[in-house]
C-alpha cells in the first residue's frame, strides 16, 4: 500500500494491512537479529517463533463457532473478550 492509497471497501482491508505489517516486523526481527536470537536461545531454549502468512483473519461468526467448539458459552452478539 502506498501513501496515496486509501481503504475503500471494508474494514478487512485495514485488518489485512495490520497483519501484513506485523509479518514484515517479525521477518525483519528474525533476519536482522539472528545472532542475538541465537545467543538468547542458547541460554533460554525455546521453539522458534511462528506466525501465519498471510495473517489469519476470522469473521465474527467463525470466531463464535470456534469458541463454542472449545466449550465457551457465548451468545451470537456477545463480546469476544475470551
N, C-alpha and C. Protein backbone atom coordinates (compact mmCIF):
# COMPACT_ATOMS: atom_id res chain seq x y z
N UNK A 1 0.86 -1.18 0.00
CA UNK A 1 0.00 0.00 0.00
C UNK A 1 0.90 1.23 0.00
N UNK A 2 0.64 2.18 -0.85
CA UNK A 2 1.44 3.39 -0.93
C UNK A 2 0.74 4.51 -0.18
N UNK A 3 1.41 5.61 0.00
CA UNK A 3 0.84 6.75 0.72
C UNK A 3 -0.40 7.31 0.05
N UNK A 4 -0.56 7.11 -1.24
CA UNK A 4 -1.71 7.65 -1.96
C UNK A 4 -2.92 6.72 -1.92
N UNK A 5 -2.74 5.52 -1.42
CA UNK A 5 -3.85 4.57 -1.35
C UNK A 5 -4.74 4.89 -0.16
N UNK A 6 -5.94 4.40 -0.21
CA UNK A 6 -6.85 4.54 0.93
C UNK A 6 -7.62 3.24 1.07
N UNK A 7 -8.26 3.10 2.19
CA UNK A 7 -9.09 1.93 2.44
C UNK A 7 -10.46 2.24 1.87
N UNK A 8 -10.88 1.50 0.87
CA UNK A 8 -12.06 1.90 0.11
C UNK A 8 -13.31 1.08 0.41
N UNK A 9 -13.16 -0.17 0.75
CA UNK A 9 -14.34 -1.01 0.73
C UNK A 9 -14.77 -1.57 2.08
N UNK A 10 -13.83 -2.07 2.86
CA UNK A 10 -14.23 -2.83 4.03
C UNK A 10 -13.14 -2.74 5.09
N UNK A 11 -13.52 -2.86 6.36
CA UNK A 11 -12.54 -2.80 7.43
C UNK A 11 -11.53 -3.94 7.34
N UNK A 12 -11.86 -5.00 6.62
CA UNK A 12 -10.90 -6.09 6.45
C UNK A 12 -9.65 -5.62 5.71
N UNK A 13 -9.77 -4.58 4.90
CA UNK A 13 -8.59 -4.01 4.26
C UNK A 13 -7.61 -3.52 5.33
N UNK A 14 -8.14 -2.89 6.36
CA UNK A 14 -7.31 -2.40 7.46
C UNK A 14 -6.71 -3.58 8.22
N UNK A 15 -7.52 -4.58 8.50
CA UNK A 15 -7.05 -5.75 9.23
C UNK A 15 -5.94 -6.45 8.45
N UNK A 16 -6.11 -6.60 7.14
CA UNK A 16 -5.07 -7.22 6.31
C UNK A 16 -3.79 -6.39 6.33
N UNK A 17 -3.92 -5.09 6.26
CA UNK A 17 -2.74 -4.21 6.29
C UNK A 17 -2.00 -4.34 7.62
N UNK A 18 -2.74 -4.41 8.71
CA UNK A 18 -2.11 -4.59 10.03
C UNK A 18 -1.40 -5.95 10.08
N UNK A 19 -2.07 -6.98 9.59
CA UNK A 19 -1.45 -8.31 9.56
C UNK A 19 -0.17 -8.31 8.74
N UNK A 20 -0.20 -7.69 7.58
CA UNK A 20 0.99 -7.60 6.73
C UNK A 20 2.11 -6.83 7.42
N UNK A 21 1.75 -5.79 8.16
CA UNK A 21 2.75 -5.01 8.89
C UNK A 21 3.43 -5.86 9.95
N UNK A 22 2.65 -6.62 10.71
CA UNK A 22 3.25 -7.49 11.74
C UNK A 22 4.15 -8.55 11.10
N UNK A 23 3.72 -9.13 10.00
CA UNK A 23 4.55 -10.13 9.32
C UNK A 23 5.87 -9.50 8.90
N UNK A 24 5.82 -8.30 8.35
CA UNK A 24 7.03 -7.59 7.94
C UNK A 24 7.95 -7.35 9.16
N UNK A 25 7.37 -6.94 10.28
CA UNK A 25 8.15 -6.72 11.50
C UNK A 25 8.79 -8.02 11.98
N UNK A 26 8.00 -9.10 12.04
CA UNK A 26 8.53 -10.38 12.53
C UNK A 26 9.66 -10.88 11.65
N UNK A 27 9.50 -10.78 10.33
CA UNK A 27 10.55 -11.22 9.41
C UNK A 27 11.80 -10.36 9.58
N UNK A 28 11.62 -9.06 9.73
CA UNK A 28 12.75 -8.16 9.90
C UNK A 28 13.52 -8.46 11.17
N UNK A 29 12.81 -8.68 12.26
CA UNK A 29 13.47 -9.02 13.52
C UNK A 29 14.23 -10.33 13.39
N UNK A 30 13.61 -11.31 12.78
CA UNK A 30 14.25 -12.62 12.61
C UNK A 30 15.52 -12.51 11.77
N UNK A 31 15.50 -11.68 10.73
CA UNK A 31 16.66 -11.55 9.85
C UNK A 31 17.73 -10.65 10.46
N UNK A 32 17.34 -9.51 11.01
CA UNK A 32 18.31 -8.52 11.48
C UNK A 32 18.95 -8.90 12.82
N UNK A 33 18.27 -9.71 13.62
CA UNK A 33 18.77 -10.05 14.95
C UNK A 33 18.97 -11.55 15.11
N UNK A 34 19.33 -12.22 14.02
CA UNK A 34 19.52 -13.66 14.03
C UNK A 34 20.58 -14.07 15.07
N UNK A 35 21.68 -13.36 15.10
CA UNK A 35 22.76 -13.69 16.05
C UNK A 35 22.27 -13.54 17.48
N UNK A 36 21.65 -12.42 17.78
CA UNK A 36 21.17 -12.15 19.14
C UNK A 36 20.11 -13.16 19.57
N UNK A 37 19.22 -13.51 18.66
CA UNK A 37 18.19 -14.51 18.96
C UNK A 37 18.85 -15.85 19.26
N UNK A 38 19.88 -16.20 18.50
CA UNK A 38 20.61 -17.45 18.75
C UNK A 38 21.27 -17.48 20.11
N UNK A 39 21.87 -16.35 20.51
CA UNK A 39 22.54 -16.27 21.81
C UNK A 39 21.52 -16.43 22.94
N UNK A 40 20.42 -15.72 22.85
CA UNK A 40 19.37 -15.82 23.87
C UNK A 40 18.82 -17.25 23.92
N UNK A 41 18.65 -17.86 22.75
CA UNK A 41 18.09 -19.22 22.68
C UNK A 41 19.02 -20.24 23.32
N UNK A 42 20.33 -19.98 23.31
CA UNK A 42 21.27 -20.90 23.97
C UNK A 42 21.03 -20.92 25.48
N UNK A 43 20.75 -19.76 26.05
CA UNK A 43 20.53 -19.67 27.49
C UNK A 43 19.10 -20.03 27.87
N UNK A 44 18.15 -19.66 27.03
CA UNK A 44 16.73 -19.91 27.29
C UNK A 44 16.12 -20.63 26.08
N UNK A 45 16.37 -21.94 25.98
CA UNK A 45 15.87 -22.68 24.81
C UNK A 45 14.35 -22.56 24.67
N UNK A 46 13.93 -22.44 23.45
CA UNK A 46 12.50 -22.33 23.15
C UNK A 46 12.30 -22.67 21.68
N UNK A 47 11.05 -22.94 21.33
CA UNK A 47 10.73 -23.18 19.93
C UNK A 47 10.82 -21.87 19.17
N UNK A 48 11.10 -21.98 17.89
CA UNK A 48 11.14 -20.78 17.05
C UNK A 48 9.77 -20.13 17.00
N UNK A 49 9.76 -18.81 17.04
CA UNK A 49 8.51 -18.06 16.94
C UNK A 49 7.91 -18.28 15.56
N UNK A 50 6.64 -18.67 15.53
CA UNK A 50 5.96 -18.95 14.27
C UNK A 50 4.80 -17.98 14.08
N UNK A 51 4.54 -17.65 12.85
CA UNK A 51 3.40 -16.80 12.51
C UNK A 51 2.85 -17.24 11.17
N UNK A 52 1.58 -16.97 10.98
CA UNK A 52 0.92 -17.34 9.73
C UNK A 52 1.15 -16.27 8.68
N UNK A 53 1.36 -16.74 7.46
CA UNK A 53 1.48 -15.81 6.34
C UNK A 53 0.67 -16.37 5.18
N UNK A 54 -0.37 -15.70 4.78
CA UNK A 54 -0.84 -14.41 5.27
C UNK A 54 -1.46 -14.54 6.66
N UNK A 55 -1.63 -13.41 7.30
CA UNK A 55 -2.20 -13.38 8.64
C UNK A 55 -3.62 -13.95 8.62
N UNK A 56 -3.97 -14.64 9.69
CA UNK A 56 -5.31 -15.22 9.81
C UNK A 56 -6.32 -14.12 10.14
N UNK A 57 -7.37 -14.06 9.37
CA UNK A 57 -8.45 -13.11 9.63
C UNK A 57 -9.73 -13.91 9.80
N UNK A 58 -10.29 -13.84 11.00
CA UNK A 58 -11.54 -14.55 11.29
C UNK A 58 -12.72 -13.60 11.17
N UNK A 59 -13.75 -14.08 10.54
CA UNK A 59 -15.02 -13.36 10.55
C UNK A 59 -15.65 -13.63 11.92
N UNK A 60 -16.46 -12.71 12.40
CA UNK A 60 -17.07 -12.82 13.72
C UNK A 60 -17.79 -14.16 13.91
N UNK A 61 -18.64 -14.61 12.95
CA UNK A 61 -19.31 -15.90 13.14
C UNK A 61 -18.34 -17.08 13.27
N UNK A 62 -17.22 -17.02 12.57
CA UNK A 62 -16.22 -18.07 12.68
C UNK A 62 -15.63 -18.11 14.09
N UNK A 63 -15.36 -16.92 14.64
CA UNK A 63 -14.79 -16.82 15.98
C UNK A 63 -15.77 -17.37 17.02
N UNK A 64 -17.04 -17.01 16.88
CA UNK A 64 -18.08 -17.51 17.80
C UNK A 64 -18.13 -19.03 17.74
N UNK A 65 -18.09 -19.57 16.53
CA UNK A 65 -18.15 -21.03 16.34
C UNK A 65 -16.95 -21.70 17.00
N UNK A 66 -15.76 -21.14 16.82
CA UNK A 66 -14.56 -21.72 17.42
C UNK A 66 -14.64 -21.71 18.94
N UNK A 67 -15.11 -20.61 19.50
CA UNK A 67 -15.26 -20.54 20.95
C UNK A 67 -16.24 -21.59 21.45
N UNK A 68 -17.36 -21.72 20.79
CA UNK A 68 -18.37 -22.72 21.20
C UNK A 68 -17.81 -24.12 21.11
N UNK A 69 -17.06 -24.40 20.04
CA UNK A 69 -16.47 -25.73 19.87
C UNK A 69 -15.46 -26.04 20.97
N UNK A 70 -14.96 -25.01 21.63
CA UNK A 70 -13.99 -25.18 22.71
C UNK A 70 -14.61 -24.98 24.08
N UNK A 71 -15.94 -25.08 24.15
CA UNK A 71 -16.63 -25.10 25.43
C UNK A 71 -17.00 -23.75 26.03
N UNK A 72 -16.82 -22.68 25.27
CA UNK A 72 -17.17 -21.36 25.78
C UNK A 72 -18.64 -21.10 25.48
N UNK A 73 -19.39 -20.73 26.52
CA UNK A 73 -20.79 -20.37 26.32
C UNK A 73 -20.84 -18.89 25.94
N UNK A 74 -21.31 -18.63 24.74
CA UNK A 74 -21.31 -17.26 24.23
C UNK A 74 -22.50 -17.07 23.30
N UNK A 75 -23.13 -15.92 23.40
CA UNK A 75 -24.26 -15.60 22.54
C UNK A 75 -23.79 -15.09 21.18
N UNK A 76 -24.70 -15.05 20.24
CA UNK A 76 -24.37 -14.63 18.88
C UNK A 76 -23.84 -13.20 18.79
N UNK A 77 -24.21 -12.34 19.73
CA UNK A 77 -23.79 -10.94 19.68
C UNK A 77 -22.89 -10.55 20.85
N UNK A 78 -22.41 -11.53 21.62
CA UNK A 78 -21.57 -11.22 22.77
C UNK A 78 -20.19 -10.72 22.35
N UNK A 79 -19.54 -10.03 23.28
CA UNK A 79 -18.20 -9.52 23.08
C UNK A 79 -17.21 -10.69 23.07
N UNK A 80 -16.17 -10.61 22.23
CA UNK A 80 -15.15 -11.66 22.15
C UNK A 80 -14.01 -11.38 23.14
N UNK A 81 -14.32 -11.32 24.38
CA UNK A 81 -13.32 -10.97 25.38
C UNK A 81 -12.57 -12.18 25.93
N UNK A 82 -12.82 -13.35 25.44
CA UNK A 82 -12.21 -14.57 25.98
C UNK A 82 -10.84 -14.78 25.44
